[in-house]
Amino acid sequence: MALPATGPIFLASVKGTGVNSRNNTGLWGLDSRGFIRQLLRNGDVLGDYTVKKFTLLTSVPGAFSATRSFNNAGGVTAFVSFANRPQALIFIGIP
């Protein structure tokens, strides 16, 4: 778990009804109000694209590869592959 000034973010696997190996990995973060928010998860639909997998760009040893990056406000950047083959760099701001 990463512990920046604005709260932790973490990668986790989930279980439950409708969850399988294609959608069980996600990224969550603590927002400025103290709530845990799902930020990105395999299987999420972003516009016309379904997230197949993602890799965080700034990994920190001991932090499960999760850290905030690129600004002081507390965002995270990921390289995302989509089910229909396109790829993108995505910056996720955390309010």
PDB file of N, CA and C in Angstrom:
ATOM      1  N   MET A   1       0.846  -1.167   0.000  1.00  0.00           N
ATOM      2  CA  MET A   1       0.000   0.000   0.000  1.00  0.00           C
ATOM      3  C   MET A   1       0.891   1.228   0.000  1.00  0.00           C
ATOM      4  N   ALA A   2       0.563   2.204  -0.808  1.00  0.00           N
ATOM      5  CA  ALA A   2       1.291   3.472  -0.840  1.00  0.00           C
ATOM      6  C   ALA A   2       0.625   4.428   0.138  1.00  0.00           C
ATOM      7  N   LEU A   3       1.414   5.231   0.814  1.00  0.00           N
ATOM      8  CA  LEU A   3       0.855   6.155   1.800  1.00  0.00           C
ATOM      9  C   LEU A   3       1.272   7.595   1.527  1.00  0.00           C
ATOM     10  N   PRO A   4       0.768   8.214   0.456  1.00  0.00           N
ATOM     11  CA  PRO A   4       1.060   9.611   0.213  1.00  0.00           C
ATOM     12  C   PRO A   4       0.242  10.493   1.142  1.00  0.00           C
ATOM     13  N   ALA A   5       0.513  11.778   1.113  1.00  0.00           N
ATOM     14  CA  ALA A   5      -0.165  12.711   2.022  1.00  0.00           C
ATOM     15  C   ALA A   5      -1.675  12.716   1.850  1.00  0.00           C
ATOM     16  N   THR A   6      -2.172  12.427   0.655  1.00  0.00           N
ATOM     17  CA  THR A   6      -3.611  12.480   0.410  1.00  0.00           C
ATOM     18  C   THR A   6      -4.316  11.162   0.646  1.00  0.00           C
ATOM     19  N   GLY A   7      -3.646  10.162   1.167  1.00  0.00           N
ATOM     20  CA  GLY A   7      -4.285   8.890   1.480  1.00  0.00           C
ATOM     21  C   GLY A   7      -3.760   7.755   0.629  1.00  0.00           C
ATOM     22  N   PRO A   8      -3.965   6.519   1.069  1.00  0.00           N
ATOM     23  CA  PRO A   8      -3.409   5.362   0.366  1.00  0.00           C
ATOM     24  C   PRO A   8      -4.158   5.001  -0.902  1.00  0.00           C
ATOM     25  N   ILE A   9      -3.451   4.351  -1.819  1.00  0.00           N
ATOM     26  CA  ILE A   9      -4.068   3.680  -2.957  1.00  0.00           C
ATOM     27  C   ILE A   9      -3.550   2.252  -2.937  1.00  0.00           C
ATOM     28  N   PHE A  10      -4.324   1.322  -3.473  1.00  0.00           N
ATOM     29  CA  PHE A  10      -3.890  -0.067  -3.426  1.00  0.00           C
ATOM     30  C   PHE A  10      -4.521  -0.879  -4.549  1.00  0.00           C
ATOM     31  N   LEU A  11      -3.793  -1.906  -4.965  1.00  0.00           N
ATOM     32  CA  LEU A  11      -4.287  -2.892  -5.913  1.00  0.00           C
ATOM     33  C   LEU A  11      -4.851  -4.056  -5.120  1.00  0.00           C
ATOM     34  N   ALA A  12      -5.931  -4.644  -5.593  1.00  0.00           N
ATOM     35  CA  ALA A  12      -6.519  -5.781  -4.889  1.00  0.00           C
ATOM     36  C   ALA A  12      -7.280  -6.661  -5.873  1.00  0.00           C
ATOM     37  N   SER A  13      -7.421  -7.915  -5.501  1.00  0.00           N
ATOM     38  CA  SER A  13      -8.273  -8.844  -6.239  1.00  0.00           C
ATOM     39  C   SER A  13      -9.567  -8.995  -5.467  1.00  0.00           C
ATOM     40  N   VAL A  14     -10.660  -9.116  -6.198  1.00  0.00           N
ATOM     41  CA  VAL A  14     -11.971  -9.237  -5.556  1.00  0.00           C
ATOM     42  C   VAL A  14     -12.592 -10.581  -5.916  1.00  0.00           C
ATOM     43  N   LYS A  15     -13.575 -10.992  -5.118  1.00  0.00           N
ATOM     44  CA  LYS A  15     -14.336 -12.216  -5.362  1.00  0.00           C
ATOM     45  C   LYS A  15     -15.810 -11.878  -5.283  1.00  0.00           C
ATOM     46  N   GLY A  16     -16.641 -12.760  -5.814  1.00  0.00           N
ATOM     47  CA  GLY A  16     -18.074 -12.577  -5.684  1.00  0.00           C
ATOM     48  C   GLY A  16     -18.815 -12.991  -6.930  1.00  0.00           C
ATOM     49  N   THR A  17     -20.119 -12.828  -6.887  1.00  0.00           N
ATOM     50  CA  THR A  17     -20.975 -13.168  -8.008  1.00  0.00           C
ATOM     51  C   THR A  17     -20.601 -12.330  -9.213  1.00  0.00           C
ATOM     52  N   GLY A  18     -20.397 -12.967 -10.356  1.00  0.00           N
ATOM     53  CA  GLY A  18     -20.059 -12.258 -11.586  1.00  0.00           C
ATOM     54  C   GLY A  18     -18.594 -11.891 -11.718  1.00  0.00           C
ATOM     55  N   VAL A  19     -17.777 -12.258 -10.736  1.00  0.00           N
ATOM     56  CA  VAL A  19     -16.352 -11.944 -10.781  1.00  0.00           C
ATOM     57  C   VAL A  19     -15.594 -13.167 -11.269  1.00  0.00           C
ATOM     58  N   ASN A  20     -14.700 -12.950 -12.231  1.00  0.00           N
ATOM     59  CA  ASN A  20     -13.857 -14.031 -12.744  1.00  0.00           C
ATOM     60  C   ASN A  20     -12.463 -13.467 -13.006  1.00  0.00           C
ATOM     61  N   SER A  21     -11.594 -14.255 -13.633  1.00  0.00           N
ATOM     62  CA  SER A  21     -10.212 -13.825 -13.841  1.00  0.00           C
ATOM     63  C   SER A  21     -10.092 -12.627 -14.781  1.00  0.00           C
ATOM     64  N   ARG A  22     -11.139 -12.315 -15.526  1.00  0.00           N
ATOM     65  CA  ARG A  22     -11.100 -11.163 -16.436  1.00  0.00           C
ATOM     66  C   ARG A  22     -11.452  -9.852 -15.752  1.00  0.00           C
ATOM     67  N   ASN A  23     -12.036  -9.906 -14.557  1.00  0.00           N
ATOM     68  CA  ASN A  23     -12.440  -8.655 -13.915  1.00  0.00           C
ATOM     69  C   ASN A  23     -12.194  -8.638 -12.410  1.00  0.00           C
ATOM     70  N   ASN A  24     -11.240  -9.412 -11.934  1.00  0.00           N
ATOM     71  CA  ASN A  24     -11.057  -9.502 -10.488  1.00  0.00           C
ATOM     72  C   ASN A  24      -9.942  -8.620  -9.935  1.00  0.00           C
ATOM     73  N   THR A  25      -9.230  -7.879 -10.780  1.00  0.00           N
ATOM     74  CA  THR A  25      -8.150  -7.022 -10.299  1.00  0.00           C
ATOM     75  C   THR A  25      -8.546  -5.565 -10.450  1.00  0.00           C
ATOM     76  N   GLY A  26      -8.327  -4.789  -9.404  1.00  0.00           N
ATOM     77  CA  GLY A  26      -8.702  -3.384  -9.460  1.00  0.00           C
ATOM     78  C   GLY A  26      -7.774  -2.498  -8.647  1.00  0.00           C
ATOM     79  N   LEU A  27      -7.971  -1.220  -8.816  1.00  0.00           N
ATOM     80  CA  LEU A  27      -7.207  -0.189  -8.120  1.00  0.00           C
ATOM     81  C   LEU A  27      -8.193   0.667  -7.328  1.00  0.00           C
ATOM     82  N   TRP A  28      -7.913   0.842  -6.052  1.00  0.00           N
ATOM     83  CA  TRP A  28      -8.765   1.647  -5.185  1.00  0.00           C
ATOM     84  C   TRP A  28      -7.925   2.718  -4.510  1.00  0.00           C
ATOM     85  N   GLY A  29      -8.571   3.817  -4.124  1.00  0.00           N
ATOM     86  CA  GLY A  29      -7.860   4.890  -3.449  1.00  0.00           C
ATOM     87  C   GLY A  29      -8.742   5.597  -2.447  1.00  0.00           C
ATOM     88  N   LEU A  30      -8.103   6.183  -1.464  1.00  0.00           N
ATOM     89  CA  LEU A  30      -8.788   6.970  -0.444  1.00  0.00           C
ATOM     90  C   LEU A  30      -8.880   8.402  -0.953  1.00  0.00           C
ATOM     91  N   ASP A  31     -10.106   8.923  -1.061  1.00  0.00           N
ATOM     92  CA  ASP A  31     -10.259  10.285  -1.562  1.00  0.00           C
ATOM     93  C   ASP A  31     -10.112  11.303  -0.428  1.00  0.00           C
ATOM     94  N   SER A  32     -10.212  12.572  -0.763  1.00  0.00           N
ATOM     95  CA  SER A  32      -9.987  13.637   0.216  1.00  0.00           C
ATOM     96  C   SER A  32     -11.062  13.690   1.300  1.00  0.00           C
ATOM     97  N   ARG A  33     -12.202  13.023   1.083  1.00  0.00           N
ATOM     98  CA  ARG A  33     -13.247  12.973   2.113  1.00  0.00           C
ATOM     99  C   ARG A  33     -13.127  11.742   2.991  1.00  0.00           C
ATOM    100  N   GLY A  34     -12.142  10.884   2.698  1.00  0.00           N
ATOM    101  CA  GLY A  34     -11.921   9.708   3.522  1.00  0.00           C
ATOM    102  C   GLY A  34     -12.660   8.473   3.065  1.00  0.00           C
ATOM    103  N   PHE A  35     -13.226   8.492   1.849  1.00  0.00           N
ATOM    104  CA  PHE A  35     -13.941   7.339   1.312  1.00  0.00           C
ATOM    105  C   PHE A  35     -13.043   6.549   0.366  1.00  0.00           C
ATOM    106  N   ILE A  36     -13.147   5.232   0.419  1.00  0.00           N
ATOM    107  CA  ILE A  36     -12.430   4.373  -0.520  1.00  0.00           C
ATOM    108  C   ILE A  36     -13.223   4.351  -1.822  1.00  0.00           C
ATOM    109  N   ARG A  37     -12.564   4.641  -2.937  1.00  0.00           N
ATOM    110  CA  ARG A  37     -13.210   4.648  -4.247  1.00  0.00           C
ATOM    111  C   ARG A  37     -12.524   3.657  -5.175  1.00  0.00           C
ATOM    112  N   GLN A  38     -13.313   2.959  -5.962  1.00  0.00           N
ATOM    113  CA  GLN A  38     -12.733   2.140  -7.024  1.00  0.00           C
ATOM    114  C   GLN A  38     -12.314   3.096  -8.128  1.00  0.00           C
ATOM    115  N   LEU A  39     -11.050   3.032  -8.521  1.00  0.00           N
ATOM    116  CA  LEU A  39     -10.520   3.937  -9.531  1.00  0.00           C
ATOM    117  C   LEU A  39     -10.494   3.301 -10.915  1.00  0.00           C
ATOM    118  N   LEU A  40     -10.110   2.029 -10.971  1.00  0.00           N
ATOM    119  CA  LEU A  40     -10.002   1.327 -12.240  1.00  0.00           C
ATOM    120  C   LEU A  40     -10.030  -0.168 -11.952  1.00  0.00           C
ATOM    121  N   ARG A  41     -10.718  -0.912 -12.791  1.00  0.00           N
ATOM    122  CA  ARG A  41     -10.803  -2.361 -12.590  1.00  0.00           C
ATOM    123  C   ARG A  41     -10.861  -3.050 -13.938  1.00  0.00           C
ATOM    124  N   ASN A  42     -10.193  -4.182 -14.054  1.00  0.00           N
ATOM    125  CA  ASN A  42     -10.322  -4.982 -15.278  1.00  0.00           C
ATOM    126  C   ASN A  42     -11.803  -5.261 -15.502  1.00  0.00           C
ATOM    127  N   GLY A  43     -12.252  -5.091 -16.738  1.00  0.00           N
ATOM    128  CA  GLY A  43     -13.666  -5.279 -17.060  1.00  0.00           C
ATOM    129  C   GLY A  43     -14.464  -3.987 -17.061  1.00  0.00           C
ATOM    130  N   ASP A  44     -13.888  -2.898 -16.516  1.00  0.00           N
ATOM    131  CA  ASP A  44     -14.581  -1.604 -16.559  1.00  0.00           C
ATOM    132  C   ASP A  44     -14.790  -1.178 -18.008  1.00  0.00           C
ATOM    133  N   VAL A  45     -15.894  -0.498 -18.263  1.00  0.00           N
ATOM    134  CA  VAL A  45     -16.171   0.040 -19.587  1.00  0.00           C
ATOM    135  C   VAL A  45     -15.919   1.539 -19.543  1.00  0.00           C
ATOM    136  N   LEU A  46     -15.001   1.996 -20.396  1.00  0.00           N
ATOM    137  CA  LEU A  46     -14.671   3.412 -20.515  1.00  0.00           C
ATOM    138  C   LEU A  46     -15.096   3.863 -21.900  1.00  0.00           C
ATOM    139  N   GLY A  47     -16.240   4.502 -21.990  1.00  0.00           N
ATOM    140  CA  GLY A  47     -16.776   4.870 -23.297  1.00  0.00           C
ATOM    141  C   GLY A  47     -17.152   3.617 -24.067  1.00  0.00           C
ATOM    142  N   ASP A  48     -16.509   3.422 -25.223  1.00  0.00           N
ATOM    143  CA  ASP A  48     -16.766   2.244 -26.056  1.00  0.00           C
ATOM    144  C   ASP A  48     -15.766   1.124 -25.820  1.00  0.00           C
ATOM    145  N   TYR A  49     -14.907   1.265 -24.821  1.00  0.00           N
ATOM    146  CA  TYR A  49     -13.806   0.320 -24.621  1.00  0.00           C
ATOM    147  C   TYR A  49     -13.903  -0.384 -23.273  1.00  0.00           C
ATOM    148  N   THR A  50     -13.581  -1.672 -23.272  1.00  0.00           N
ATOM    149  CA  THR A  50     -13.577  -2.472 -22.047  1.00  0.00           C
ATOM    150  C   THR A  50     -12.130  -2.722 -21.629  1.00  0.00           C
ATOM    151  N   VAL A  51     -11.811  -2.404 -20.376  1.00  0.00           N
ATOM    152  CA  VAL A  51     -10.461  -2.581 -19.858  1.00  0.00           C
ATOM    153  C   VAL A  51     -10.149  -4.072 -19.765  1.00  0.00           C
ATOM    154  N   LYS A  52      -9.074  -4.491 -20.433  1.00  0.00           N
ATOM    155  CA  LYS A  52      -8.645  -5.888 -20.379  1.00  0.00           C
ATOM    156  C   LYS A  52      -7.627  -6.064 -19.258  1.00  0.00           C
ATOM    157  N   LYS A  53      -6.646  -5.166 -19.187  1.00  0.00           N
ATOM    158  CA  LYS A  53      -5.667  -5.180 -18.101  1.00  0.00           C
ATOM    159  C   LYS A  53      -5.013  -3.809 -18.021  1.00  0.00           C
ATOM    160  N   PHE A  54      -4.362  -3.546 -16.904  1.00  0.00           N
ATOM    161  CA  PHE A  54      -3.666  -2.278 -16.753  1.00  0.00           C
ATOM    162  C   PHE A  54      -2.403  -2.482 -15.929  1.00  0.00           C
ATOM    163  N   THR A  55      -1.460  -1.577 -16.151  1.00  0.00           N
ATOM    164  CA  THR A  55      -0.200  -1.582 -15.427  1.00  0.00           C
ATOM    165  C   THR A  55       0.054  -0.162 -14.952  1.00  0.00           C
ATOM    166  N   LEU A  56       0.342   0.004 -13.679  1.00  0.00           N
ATOM    167  CA  LEU A  56       0.653   1.335 -13.172  1.00  0.00           C
ATOM    168  C   LEU A  56       2.045   1.727 -13.636  1.00  0.00           C
ATOM    169  N   LEU A  57       2.226   3.004 -13.973  1.00  0.00           N
ATOM    170  CA  LEU A  57       3.499   3.437 -14.538  1.00  0.00           C
ATOM    171  C   LEU A  57       4.573   3.700 -13.500  1.00  0.00           C
ATOM    172  N   THR A  58       4.196   4.035 -12.305  1.00  0.00           N
ATOM    173  CA  THR A  58       5.195   4.375 -11.293  1.00  0.00           C
ATOM    174  C   THR A  58       5.092   3.402 -10.143  1.00  0.00           C
ATOM    175  N   SER A  59       5.845   2.325 -10.237  1.00  0.00           N
ATOM    176  CA  SER A  59       5.785   1.336  -9.171  1.00  0.00           C
ATOM    177  C   SER A  59       6.842   1.644  -8.120  1.00  0.00           C
ATOM    178  N   VAL A  60       6.519   1.351  -6.903  1.00  0.00           N
ATOM    179  CA  VAL A  60       7.416   1.583  -5.777  1.00  0.00           C
ATOM    180  C   VAL A  60       7.589   0.270  -5.035  1.00  0.00           C
ATOM    181  N   PRO A  61       8.820  -0.211  -4.866  1.00  0.00           N
ATOM    182  CA  PRO A  61       9.006  -1.459  -4.126  1.00  0.00           C
ATOM    183  C   PRO A  61       8.371  -1.376  -2.738  1.00  0.00           C
ATOM    184  N   GLY A  62       7.668  -2.418  -2.347  1.00  0.00           N
ATOM    185  CA  GLY A  62       7.027  -2.439  -1.040  1.00  0.00           C
ATOM    186  C   GLY A  62       5.669  -1.786  -1.014  1.00  0.00           C
ATOM    187  N   ALA A  63       5.226  -1.240  -2.162  1.00  0.00           N
ATOM    188  CA  ALA A  63       3.925  -0.561  -2.201  1.00  0.00           C
ATOM    189  C   ALA A  63       2.953  -1.274  -3.136  1.00  0.00           C
ATOM    190  N   PHE A  64       3.213  -2.555  -3.426  1.00  0.00           N
ATOM    191  CA  PHE A  64       2.363  -3.340  -4.316  1.00  0.00           C
ATOM    192  C   PHE A  64       2.159  -2.652  -5.651  1.00  0.00           C
ATOM    193  N   SER A  65       3.200  -1.962  -6.121  1.00  0.00           N
ATOM    194  CA  SER A  65       3.197  -1.258  -7.408  1.00  0.00           C
ATOM    195  C   SER A  65       2.147  -0.160  -7.489  1.00  0.00           C
ATOM    196  N   ALA A  66       1.700   0.357  -6.389  1.00  0.00           N
ATOM    197  CA  ALA A  66       0.692   1.413  -6.407  1.00  0.00           C
ATOM    198  C   ALA A  66       1.248   2.669  -5.764  1.00  0.00           C
ATOM    199  N   THR A  67       1.264   3.729  -6.510  1.00  0.00           N
ATOM    200  CA  THR A  67       1.681   5.012  -5.973  1.00  0.00           C
ATOM    201  C   THR A  67       1.010   6.122  -6.764  1.00  0.00           C
ATOM    202  N   ARG A  68       0.915   7.255  -6.179  1.00  0.00           N
ATOM    203  CA  ARG A  68       0.387   8.407  -6.894  1.00  0.00           C
ATOM    204  C   ARG A  68       1.515   8.979  -7.735  1.00  0.00           C
ATOM    205  N   SER A  69       1.158   9.664  -8.812  1.00  0.00           N
ATOM    206  CA  SER A  69       2.209  10.113  -9.719  1.00  0.00           C
ATOM    207  C   SER A  69       1.842  11.413 -10.414  1.00  0.00           C
ATOM    208  N   PHE A  70       2.849  12.097 -10.882  1.00  0.00           N
ATOM    209  CA  PHE A  70       2.761  13.253 -11.765  1.00  0.00           C
ATOM    210  C   PHE A  70       2.198  14.533 -11.165  1.00  0.00           C
ATOM    211  N   ASN A  71       1.569  14.509 -10.019  1.00  0.00           N
ATOM    212  CA  ASN A  71       1.126  15.781  -9.457  1.00  0.00           C
ATOM    213  C   ASN A  71       1.006  15.679  -7.945  1.00  0.00           C
ATOM    214  N   ASN A  72       0.869  16.821  -7.298  1.00  0.00           N
ATOM    215  CA  ASN A  72       0.730  16.845  -5.844  1.00  0.00           C
ATOM    216  C   ASN A  72      -0.704  16.600  -5.394  1.00  0.00           C
ATOM    217  N   ALA A  73      -1.657  16.633  -6.325  1.00  0.00           N
ATOM    218  CA  ALA A  73      -3.062  16.474  -5.964  1.00  0.00           C
ATOM    219  C   ALA A  73      -3.435  15.027  -5.730  1.00  0.00           C
ATOM    220  N   GLY A  74      -2.598  14.104  -6.156  1.00  0.00           N
ATOM    221  CA  GLY A  74      -2.873  12.703  -5.860  1.00  0.00           C
ATOM    222  C   GLY A  74      -3.548  11.937  -6.954  1.00  0.00           C
ATOM    223  N   GLY A  75      -2.962  11.891  -8.122  1.00  0.00           N
ATOM    224  CA  GLY A  75      -3.491  11.068  -9.197  1.00  0.00           C
ATOM    225  C   GLY A  75      -2.604   9.866  -9.412  1.00  0.00           C
ATOM    226  N   VAL A  76      -3.026   8.988 -10.286  1.00  0.00           N
ATOM    227  CA  VAL A  76      -2.247   7.807 -10.625  1.00  0.00           C
ATOM    228  C   VAL A  76      -2.336   7.612 -12.139  1.00  0.00           C
ATOM    229  N   THR A  77      -1.258   7.126 -12.738  1.00  0.00           N
ATOM    230  CA  THR A  77      -1.218   6.943 -14.182  1.00  0.00           C
ATOM    231  C   THR A  77      -1.034   5.469 -14.504  1.00  0.00           C
ATOM    232  N   ALA A  78      -1.798   4.990 -15.485  1.00  0.00           N
ATOM    233  CA  ALA A  78      -1.750   3.578 -15.859  1.00  0.00           C
ATOM    234  C   ALA A  78      -1.672   3.432 -17.378  1.00  0.00           C
ATOM    235  N   PHE A  79      -1.009   2.367 -17.806  1.00  0.00           N
ATOM    236  CA  PHE A  79      -1.018   1.948 -19.196  1.00  0.00           C
ATOM    237  C   PHE A  79      -2.130   0.904 -19.294  1.00  0.00           C
ATOM    238  N   VAL A  80      -3.144   1.171 -20.105  1.00  0.00           N
ATOM    239  CA  VAL A  80      -4.338   0.327 -20.152  1.00  0.00           C
ATOM    240  C   VAL A  80      -4.461  -0.343 -21.518  1.00  0.00           C
ATOM    241  N   SER A  81      -4.698  -1.651 -21.505  1.00  0.00           N
ATOM    242  CA  SER A  81      -5.006  -2.408 -22.717  1.00  0.00           C
ATOM    243  C   SER A  81      -6.495  -2.716 -22.698  1.00  0.00           C
ATOM    244  N   PHE A  82      -7.130  -2.519 -23.841  1.00  0.00           N
ATOM    245  CA  PHE A  82      -8.565  -2.740 -23.950  1.00  0.00           C
ATOM    246  C   PHE A  82      -8.850  -4.038 -24.697  1.00  0.00           C
ATOM    247  N   ALA A  83     -10.045  -4.579 -24.497  1.00  0.00           N
ATOM    248  CA  ALA A  83     -10.434  -5.869 -25.067  1.00  0.00           C
ATOM    249  C   ALA A  83     -10.368  -5.873 -26.583  1.00  0.00           C
ATOM    250  N   ASN A  84     -10.670  -4.766 -27.235  1.00  0.00           N
ATOM    251  CA  ASN A  84     -10.657  -4.735 -28.699  1.00  0.00           C
ATOM    252  C   ASN A  84      -9.325  -4.208 -29.250  1.00  0.00           C
ATOM    253  N   ARG A  85      -8.245  -4.366 -28.479  1.00  0.00           N
ATOM    254  CA  ARG A  85      -6.856  -4.175 -28.853  1.00  0.00           C
ATOM    255  C   ARG A  85      -6.256  -2.782 -28.723  1.00  0.00           C
ATOM    256  N   PRO A  86      -6.962  -1.686 -28.641  1.00  0.00           N
ATOM    257  CA  PRO A  86      -6.248  -0.418 -28.473  1.00  0.00           C
ATOM    258  C   PRO A  86      -5.619  -0.337 -27.079  1.00  0.00           C
ATOM    259  N   GLN A  87      -4.686   0.584 -26.949  1.00  0.00           N
ATOM    260  CA  GLN A  87      -4.026   0.824 -25.679  1.00  0.00           C
ATOM    261  C   GLN A  87      -3.982   2.333 -25.428  1.00  0.00           C
ATOM    262  N   ALA A  88      -3.863   2.702 -24.148  1.00  0.00           N
ATOM    263  CA  ALA A  88      -3.827   4.123 -23.819  1.00  0.00           C
ATOM    264  C   ALA A  88      -3.123   4.351 -22.492  1.00  0.00           C
ATOM    265  N   LEU A  89      -2.581   5.544 -22.342  1.00  0.00           N
ATOM    266  CA  LEU A  89      -2.114   6.015 -21.050  1.00  0.00           C
ATOM    267  C   LEU A  89      -3.261   6.788 -20.442  1.00  0.00           C
ATOM    268  N   ILE A  90      -3.605   6.458 -19.213  1.00  0.00           N
ATOM    269  CA  ILE A  90      -4.736   7.111 -18.550  1.00  0.00           C
ATOM    270  C   ILE A  90      -4.275   7.697 -17.230  1.00  0.00           C
ATOM    271  N   PHE A  91      -4.593   8.966 -17.009  1.00  0.00           N
ATOM    272  CA  PHE A  91      -4.344   9.603 -15.718  1.00  0.00           C
ATOM    273  C   PHE A  91      -5.664   9.628 -14.965  1.00  0.00           C
ATOM    274  N   ILE A  92      -5.660   9.122 -13.749  1.00  0.00           N
ATOM    275  CA  ILE A  92      -6.868   9.092 -12.917  1.00  0.00           C
ATOM    276  C   ILE A  92      -6.659  10.053 -11.759  1.00  0.00           C
ATOM    277  N   GLY A  93      -7.411  11.134 -11.738  1.00  0.00           N
ATOM    278  CA  GLY A  93      -7.353  12.075 -10.638  1.00  0.00           C
ATOM    279  C   GLY A  93      -8.192  11.558  -9.477  1.00  0.00           C
ATOM    280  N   ILE A  94      -7.727  11.805  -8.269  1.00  0.00           N
ATOM    281  CA  ILE A  94      -8.457  11.361  -7.088  1.00  0.00           C
ATOM    282  C   ILE A  94      -8.875  12.600  -6.304  1.00  0.00           C
ATOM    283  N   PRO A  95     -10.171  12.864  -6.239  1.00  0.00           N
ATOM    284  CA  PRO A  95     -10.641  14.086  -5.579  1.00  0.00           C
ATOM    285  C   PRO A  95     -10.385  14.079  -4.082  1.00  0.00           C
TER     286      PRO A  95
END
